[in-house]
């Protein structure tokens, strides 16, 4: 096995075990045994645990894929396509949970255990992406296209609603077994009506 293939294998095995047992419940010895190698092989590829965790994050958050996603968001932002942008965000969140439940379980363990991987993920992806959306929401509020309320709370609604749905369905394996596309349509209806600047019942909240 080439060095790159071995490195990829170790990362995959680690993700499997971390997503099933958490970080506190998984040792490098167990990762090595599951991969059919010695612990020395692990530390030959990853000098420290910090390097190992960073490699997992880099492996799952491929820079090329992230770049394409950001470019899609930016095109919609430049076009002031609020509905298209919010739909894309909701769709992406649900798709991540559906297609990579294992990694989302790993991140959940990391957060619950106060593990450094959770902080790394937050600093590397969630903070910069979140700020990108907050800046956009603030601009659209100034332009009168969206309701004036805390932009951070708007983002919490946009990301939190699909995240809760996807976690129930794909991590806990319960909840609505229906079509994700229908659910996305329903979420968009709820969110866009709530964010619209049109008056409702004589009030503009």
C-alpha atoms as a PDB file:
ATOM      1  CA  UNK A   1       0.000   0.000   0.000  1.00  0.00           C
ATOM      2  CA  UNK A   2       1.396   3.396  -0.945  1.00  0.00           C
ATOM      3  CA  UNK A   3       1.994   5.994   1.755  1.00  0.00           C
ATOM      4  CA  UNK A   4      -0.935   8.069   0.510  1.00  0.00           C
ATOM      5  CA  UNK A   5      -3.272   5.064   0.404  1.00  0.00           C
ATOM      6  CA  UNK A   6      -2.182   4.028   3.902  1.00  0.00           C
ATOM      7  CA  UNK A   7      -2.771   7.554   5.186  1.00  0.00           C
ATOM      8  CA  UNK A   8      -6.253   7.572   3.638  1.00  0.00           C
ATOM      9  CA  UNK A   9      -7.002   4.144   5.127  1.00  0.00           C
ATOM     10  CA  UNK A  10      -6.002   5.275   8.618  1.00  0.00           C
ATOM     11  CA  UNK A  11      -8.195   8.364   8.354  1.00  0.00           C
ATOM     12  CA  UNK A  12     -11.181   6.309   7.188  1.00  0.00           C
ATOM     13  CA  UNK A  13     -10.756   3.780   9.993  1.00  0.00           C
ATOM     14  CA  UNK A  14     -10.381   6.565  12.552  1.00  0.00           C
ATOM     15  CA  UNK A  15     -13.548   8.280  11.338  1.00  0.00           C
ATOM     16  CA  UNK A  16     -15.442   4.982  11.600  1.00  0.00           C
ATOM     17  CA  UNK A  17     -14.326   4.364  15.170  1.00  0.00           C
ATOM     18  CA  UNK A  18     -14.659   7.954  16.364  1.00  0.00           C
ATOM     19  CA  UNK A  19     -18.187   8.151  14.932  1.00  0.00           C
ATOM     20  CA  UNK A  20     -19.187   4.953  16.769  1.00  0.00           C
ATOM     21  CA  UNK A  21     -17.387   5.377  20.104  1.00  0.00           C
ATOM     22  CA  UNK A  22     -16.364   9.003  20.347  1.00  0.00           C
ATOM     23  CA  UNK A  23     -12.841  10.249  20.933  1.00  0.00           C
ATOM     24  CA  UNK A  24     -12.657   9.337  24.609  1.00  0.00           C
ATOM     25  CA  UNK A  25     -13.741   5.792  23.772  1.00  0.00           C
ATOM     26  CA  UNK A  26     -11.214   5.220  20.979  1.00  0.00           C
ATOM     27  CA  UNK A  27      -7.464   4.719  21.254  1.00  0.00           C
ATOM     28  CA  UNK A  28      -4.754   4.842  18.634  1.00  0.00           C
ATOM     29  CA  UNK A  29      -4.083   1.192  19.456  1.00  0.00           C
ATOM     30  CA  UNK A  30      -7.659   0.322  18.456  1.00  0.00           C
ATOM     31  CA  UNK A  31      -7.351   2.369  15.273  1.00  0.00           C
ATOM     32  CA  UNK A  32      -4.127   0.557  14.430  1.00  0.00           C
ATOM     33  CA  UNK A  33      -5.693  -2.859  15.108  1.00  0.00           C
ATOM     34  CA  UNK A  34      -8.702  -2.075  12.933  1.00  0.00           C
ATOM     35  CA  UNK A  35      -6.386  -0.933  10.139  1.00  0.00           C
ATOM     36  CA  UNK A  36      -4.126  -3.969  10.542  1.00  0.00           C
ATOM     37  CA  UNK A  37      -1.028  -1.966  11.399  1.00  0.00           C
ATOM     38  CA  UNK A  38       1.002  -1.024  14.467  1.00  0.00           C
ATOM     39  CA  UNK A  39       0.659   2.229  16.411  1.00  0.00           C
ATOM     40  CA  UNK A  40       4.099   3.146  15.113  1.00  0.00           C
ATOM     41  CA  UNK A  41       2.663   3.238  11.592  1.00  0.00           C
ATOM     42  CA  UNK A  42       0.014   5.731  12.695  1.00  0.00           C
ATOM     43  CA  UNK A  43       2.599   8.059  14.204  1.00  0.00           C
ATOM     44  CA  UNK A  44       4.785   7.667  11.140  1.00  0.00           C
ATOM     45  CA  UNK A  45       2.001   9.323   9.124  1.00  0.00           C
ATOM     46  CA  UNK A  46       0.758  11.664  11.851  1.00  0.00           C
ATOM     47  CA  UNK A  47       3.452  12.901  14.201  1.00  0.00           C
ATOM     48  CA  UNK A  48       0.971  14.143  16.808  1.00  0.00           C
ATOM     49  CA  UNK A  49      -2.712  13.658  17.608  1.00  0.00           C
ATOM     50  CA  UNK A  50      -3.255  17.265  16.518  1.00  0.00           C
ATOM     51  CA  UNK A  51      -1.873  16.358  13.082  1.00  0.00           C
ATOM     52  CA  UNK A  52      -4.202  13.351  12.976  1.00  0.00           C
ATOM     53  CA  UNK A  53      -7.294  15.396  13.794  1.00  0.00           C
ATOM     54  CA  UNK A  54      -6.328  18.106  11.292  1.00  0.00           C
ATOM     55  CA  UNK A  55      -5.857  15.455   8.609  1.00  0.00           C
ATOM     56  CA  UNK A  56      -9.358  14.103   9.295  1.00  0.00           C
ATOM     57  CA  UNK A  57     -10.819  17.594   8.983  1.00  0.00           C
ATOM     58  CA  UNK A  58      -8.881  18.359   5.800  1.00  0.00           C
ATOM     59  CA  UNK A  59      -9.850  14.975   4.333  1.00  0.00           C
ATOM     60  CA  UNK A  60     -13.582  15.532   4.913  1.00  0.00           C
ATOM     61  CA  UNK A  61     -13.572  19.237   4.085  1.00  0.00           C
ATOM     62  CA  UNK A  62     -11.894  19.005   0.687  1.00  0.00           C
ATOM     63  CA  UNK A  63     -10.659  22.475  -0.248  1.00  0.00           C
ATOM     64  CA  UNK A  64     -11.752  22.124  -3.884  1.00  0.00           C
ATOM     65  CA  UNK A  65     -15.295  21.141  -2.933  1.00  0.00           C
ATOM     66  CA  UNK A  66     -15.465  23.903  -0.344  1.00  0.00           C
ATOM     67  CA  UNK A  67     -14.226  26.398  -2.931  1.00  0.00           C
ATOM     68  CA  UNK A  68     -16.943  25.348  -5.387  1.00  0.00           C
ATOM     69  CA  UNK A  69     -19.604  25.673  -2.702  1.00  0.00           C
ATOM     70  CA  UNK A  70     -18.446  29.154  -1.706  1.00  0.00           C
ATOM     71  CA  UNK A  71     -18.360  30.189  -5.371  1.00  0.00           C
ATOM     72  CA  UNK A  72     -21.989  29.047  -5.763  1.00  0.00           C
ATOM     73  CA  UNK A  73     -23.016  31.041  -2.717  1.00  0.00           C
ATOM     74  CA  UNK A  74     -21.151  34.099  -3.949  1.00  0.00           C
ATOM     75  CA  UNK A  75     -22.858  33.999  -7.354  1.00  0.00           C
ATOM     76  CA  UNK A  76     -26.273  33.955  -5.681  1.00  0.00           C
ATOM     77  CA  UNK A  77     -25.237  36.730  -3.299  1.00  0.00           C
ATOM     78  CA  UNK A  78     -24.016  38.869  -6.180  1.00  0.00           C
ATOM     79  CA  UNK A  79     -27.379  38.336  -7.897  1.00  0.00           C
ATOM     80  CA  UNK A  80     -29.298  39.207  -4.688  1.00  0.00           C
ATOM     81  CA  UNK A  81     -31.087  35.871  -5.042  1.00  0.00           C
ATOM     82  CA  UNK A  82     -32.239  35.484  -1.442  1.00  0.00           C
ATOM     83  CA  UNK A  83     -34.489  32.501  -2.064  1.00  0.00           C
ATOM     84  CA  UNK A  84     -31.943  30.692  -4.213  1.00  0.00           C
ATOM     85  CA  UNK A  85     -29.185  31.273  -1.668  1.00  0.00           C
ATOM     86  CA  UNK A  86     -31.221  30.120   1.320  1.00  0.00           C
ATOM     87  CA  UNK A  87     -32.517  27.073  -0.556  1.00  0.00           C
ATOM     88  CA  UNK A  88     -28.973  26.094  -1.493  1.00  0.00           C
ATOM     89  CA  UNK A  89     -27.826  26.405   2.130  1.00  0.00           C
ATOM     90  CA  UNK A  90     -30.724  24.304   3.443  1.00  0.00           C
ATOM     91  CA  UNK A  91     -30.257  21.703   0.717  1.00  0.00           C
ATOM     92  CA  UNK A  92     -26.520  21.463   1.394  1.00  0.00           C
ATOM     93  CA  UNK A  93     -27.003  20.964   5.144  1.00  0.00           C
ATOM     94  CA  UNK A  94     -29.532  18.176   4.659  1.00  0.00           C
ATOM     95  CA  UNK A  95     -27.414  16.528   1.961  1.00  0.00           C
ATOM     96  CA  UNK A  96     -24.340  16.502   4.229  1.00  0.00           C
ATOM     97  CA  UNK A  97     -26.258  14.659   6.944  1.00  0.00           C
ATOM     98  CA  UNK A  98     -27.781  12.247   4.416  1.00  0.00           C
ATOM     99  CA  UNK A  99     -24.567  11.437   2.544  1.00  0.00           C
ATOM    100  CA  UNK A 100     -22.008  11.700   5.352  1.00  0.00           C
ATOM    101  CA  UNK A 101     -23.847  10.776   8.542  1.00  0.00           C
ATOM    102  CA  UNK A 102     -20.669   9.190   9.880  1.00  0.00           C
ATOM    103  CA  UNK A 103     -18.756  12.475   9.892  1.00  0.00           C
ATOM    104  CA  UNK A 104     -21.672  14.357  11.463  1.00  0.00           C
ATOM    105  CA  UNK A 105     -21.753  11.775  14.253  1.00  0.00           C
ATOM    106  CA  UNK A 106     -18.026  12.297  14.727  1.00  0.00           C
ATOM    107  CA  UNK A 107     -18.510  16.080  15.011  1.00  0.00           C
ATOM    108  CA  UNK A 108     -21.341  15.548  17.494  1.00  0.00           C
ATOM    109  CA  UNK A 109     -19.080  13.402  19.657  1.00  0.00           C
ATOM    110  CA  UNK A 110     -16.366  16.048  19.367  1.00  0.00           C
ATOM    111  CA  UNK A 111     -18.726  18.785  20.529  1.00  0.00           C
ATOM    112  CA  UNK A 112     -20.154  16.757  23.423  1.00  0.00           C
ATOM    113  CA  UNK A 113     -16.691  15.767  24.623  1.00  0.00           C
ATOM    114  CA  UNK A 114     -15.281  19.262  24.239  1.00  0.00           C
ATOM    115  CA  UNK A 115     -12.779  17.809  21.814  1.00  0.00           C
ATOM    116  CA  UNK A 116     -10.375  20.040  19.909  1.00  0.00           C
ATOM    117  CA  UNK A 117     -11.636  18.759  16.555  1.00  0.00           C
ATOM    118  CA  UNK A 118     -14.956  20.504  17.215  1.00  0.00           C
ATOM    119  CA  UNK A 119     -13.143  23.790  17.831  1.00  0.00           C
ATOM    120  CA  UNK A 120     -10.994  23.287  14.736  1.00  0.00           C
ATOM    121  CA  UNK A 121     -14.048  22.650  12.576  1.00  0.00           C
ATOM    122  CA  UNK A 122     -15.819  25.686  14.007  1.00  0.00           C
ATOM    123  CA  UNK A 123     -12.826  27.963  13.373  1.00  0.00           C
ATOM    124  CA  UNK A 124     -12.025  26.584   9.912  1.00  0.00           C
ATOM    125  CA  UNK A 125     -15.517  26.431   8.411  1.00  0.00           C
ATOM    126  CA  UNK A 126     -18.444  27.556  10.513  1.00  0.00           C
ATOM    127  CA  UNK A 127     -17.125  30.936  11.605  1.00  0.00           C
ATOM    128  CA  UNK A 128     -15.995  32.225   8.167  1.00  0.00           C
ATOM    129  CA  UNK A 129     -19.038  30.801   6.369  1.00  0.00           C
ATOM    130  CA  UNK A 130     -21.359  32.129   9.036  1.00  0.00           C
ATOM    131  CA  UNK A 131     -19.855  35.603   8.772  1.00  0.00           C
ATOM    132  CA  UNK A 132     -20.264  35.486   4.995  1.00  0.00           C
ATOM    133  CA  UNK A 133     -24.007  34.907   5.409  1.00  0.00           C
ATOM    134  CA  UNK A 134     -24.377  37.450   8.194  1.00  0.00           C
ATOM    135  CA  UNK A 135     -22.730  40.131   6.041  1.00  0.00           C
ATOM    136  CA  UNK A 136     -25.098  39.284   3.192  1.00  0.00           C
ATOM    137  CA  UNK A 137     -28.187  39.327   5.420  1.00  0.00           C
ATOM    138  CA  UNK A 138     -27.168  42.702   6.879  1.00  0.00           C
ATOM    139  CA  UNK A 139     -26.742  44.148   3.398  1.00  0.00           C
ATOM    140  CA  UNK A 140     -30.110  42.864   2.217  1.00  0.00           C
ATOM    141  CA  UNK A 141     -31.735  44.267   5.347  1.00  0.00           C
ATOM    142  CA  UNK A 142     -30.241  47.697   4.601  1.00  0.00           C
ATOM    143  CA  UNK A 143     -31.625  47.413   1.070  1.00  0.00           C
ATOM    144  CA  UNK A 144     -35.094  46.664   2.474  1.00  0.00           C
ATOM    145  CA  UNK A 145     -35.341  43.143   1.059  1.00  0.00           C
ATOM    146  CA  UNK A 146     -35.323  41.291   4.395  1.00  0.00           C
ATOM    147  CA  UNK A 147     -36.885  42.005   7.765  1.00  0.00           C
ATOM    148  CA  UNK A 148     -34.843  43.945  10.272  1.00  0.00           C
ATOM    149  CA  UNK A 149     -33.945  41.506  13.024  1.00  0.00           C
ATOM    150  CA  UNK A 150     -30.702  40.150  14.389  1.00  0.00           C
ATOM    151  CA  UNK A 151     -28.769  38.731  11.364  1.00  0.00           C
ATOM    152  CA  UNK A 152     -27.194  36.097  13.589  1.00  0.00           C
ATOM    153  CA  UNK A 153     -30.626  34.837  14.592  1.00  0.00           C
ATOM    154  CA  UNK A 154     -31.701  34.792  10.953  1.00  0.00           C
ATOM    155  CA  UNK A 155     -28.718  32.564  10.199  1.00  0.00           C
ATOM    156  CA  UNK A 156     -29.564  30.377  13.208  1.00  0.00           C
ATOM    157  CA  UNK A 157     -33.015  29.813  11.728  1.00  0.00           C
ATOM    158  CA  UNK A 158     -31.704  29.193   8.206  1.00  0.00           C
ATOM    159  CA  UNK A 159     -29.119  26.649   9.364  1.00  0.00           C
ATOM    160  CA  UNK A 160     -30.734  25.324  12.532  1.00  0.00           C
ATOM    161  CA  UNK A 161     -34.071  24.240  11.105  1.00  0.00           C
ATOM    162  CA  UNK A 162     -32.629  21.907   8.424  1.00  0.00           C
ATOM    163  CA  UNK A 163     -29.908  20.733  10.811  1.00  0.00           C
ATOM    164  CA  UNK A 164     -32.444  19.643  13.422  1.00  0.00           C
ATOM    165  CA  UNK A 165     -34.537  17.869  10.772  1.00  0.00           C
ATOM    166  CA  UNK A 166     -31.499  16.100   9.278  1.00  0.00           C
ATOM    167  CA  UNK A 167     -30.143  15.072  12.659  1.00  0.00           C
ATOM    168  CA  UNK A 168     -33.460  13.513  13.630  1.00  0.00           C
ATOM    169  CA  UNK A 169     -33.784  11.680  10.327  1.00  0.00           C
ATOM    170  CA  UNK A 170     -30.215  10.583   9.598  1.00  0.00           C
ATOM    171  CA  UNK A 171     -28.381  10.510  12.925  1.00  0.00           C
ATOM    172  CA  UNK A 172     -31.184   9.411  15.253  1.00  0.00           C
ATOM    173  CA  UNK A 173     -32.992   7.605  12.402  1.00  0.00           C
ATOM    174  CA  UNK A 174     -36.423   8.772  13.410  1.00  0.00           C
ATOM    175  CA  UNK A 175     -38.881  11.404  12.302  1.00  0.00           C
ATOM    176  CA  UNK A 176     -40.258  12.144   8.870  1.00  0.00           C
ATOM    177  CA  UNK A 177     -39.379   9.377   6.358  1.00  0.00           C
ATOM    178  CA  UNK A 178     -40.692  11.494   3.467  1.00  0.00           C
ATOM    179  CA  UNK A 179     -38.917  13.280   0.657  1.00  0.00           C
ATOM    180  CA  UNK A 180     -36.179  15.742   1.570  1.00  0.00           C
ATOM    181  CA  UNK A 181     -37.171  17.849  -1.434  1.00  0.00           C
ATOM    182  CA  UNK A 182     -40.708  18.269  -0.109  1.00  0.00           C
ATOM    183  CA  UNK A 183     -39.346  19.174   3.318  1.00  0.00           C
ATOM    184  CA  UNK A 184     -37.012  21.759   1.767  1.00  0.00           C
ATOM    185  CA  UNK A 185     -39.967  23.322  -0.068  1.00  0.00           C
ATOM    186  CA  UNK A 186     -41.873  23.528   3.216  1.00  0.00           C
ATOM    187  CA  UNK A 187     -38.916  25.068   5.041  1.00  0.00           C
ATOM    188  CA  UNK A 188     -38.485  27.658   2.305  1.00  0.00           C
ATOM    189  CA  UNK A 189     -42.144  28.604   2.544  1.00  0.00           C
ATOM    190  CA  UNK A 190     -41.882  29.026   6.307  1.00  0.00           C
ATOM    191  CA  UNK A 191     -38.613  30.923   6.250  1.00  0.00           C
ATOM    192  CA  UNK A 192     -39.318  33.235   3.327  1.00  0.00           C
ATOM    193  CA  UNK A 193     -42.724  34.188   4.675  1.00  0.00           C
ATOM    194  CA  UNK A 194     -41.132  34.907   8.018  1.00  0.00           C
ATOM    195  CA  UNK A 195     -38.353  36.994   6.488  1.00  0.00           C
ATOM    196  CA  UNK A 196     -40.468  38.855   3.985  1.00  0.00           C
ATOM    197  CA  UNK A 197     -40.844  42.609   4.441  1.00  0.00           C
ATOM    198  CA  UNK A 198     -44.545  42.374   3.565  1.00  0.00           C
ATOM    199  CA  UNK A 199     -46.950  43.312   6.320  1.00  0.00           C
ATOM    200  CA  UNK A 200     -48.714  40.509   8.136  1.00  0.00           C
ATOM    201  CA  UNK A 201     -51.864  41.184  10.151  1.00  0.00           C
ATOM    202  CA  UNK A 202     -51.206  44.878   9.880  1.00  0.00           C
ATOM    203  CA  UNK A 203     -47.761  44.641  11.489  1.00  0.00           C
ATOM    204  CA  UNK A 204     -44.261  44.785  10.123  1.00  0.00           C
ATOM    205  CA  UNK A 205     -42.213  43.066  12.833  1.00  0.00           C
END
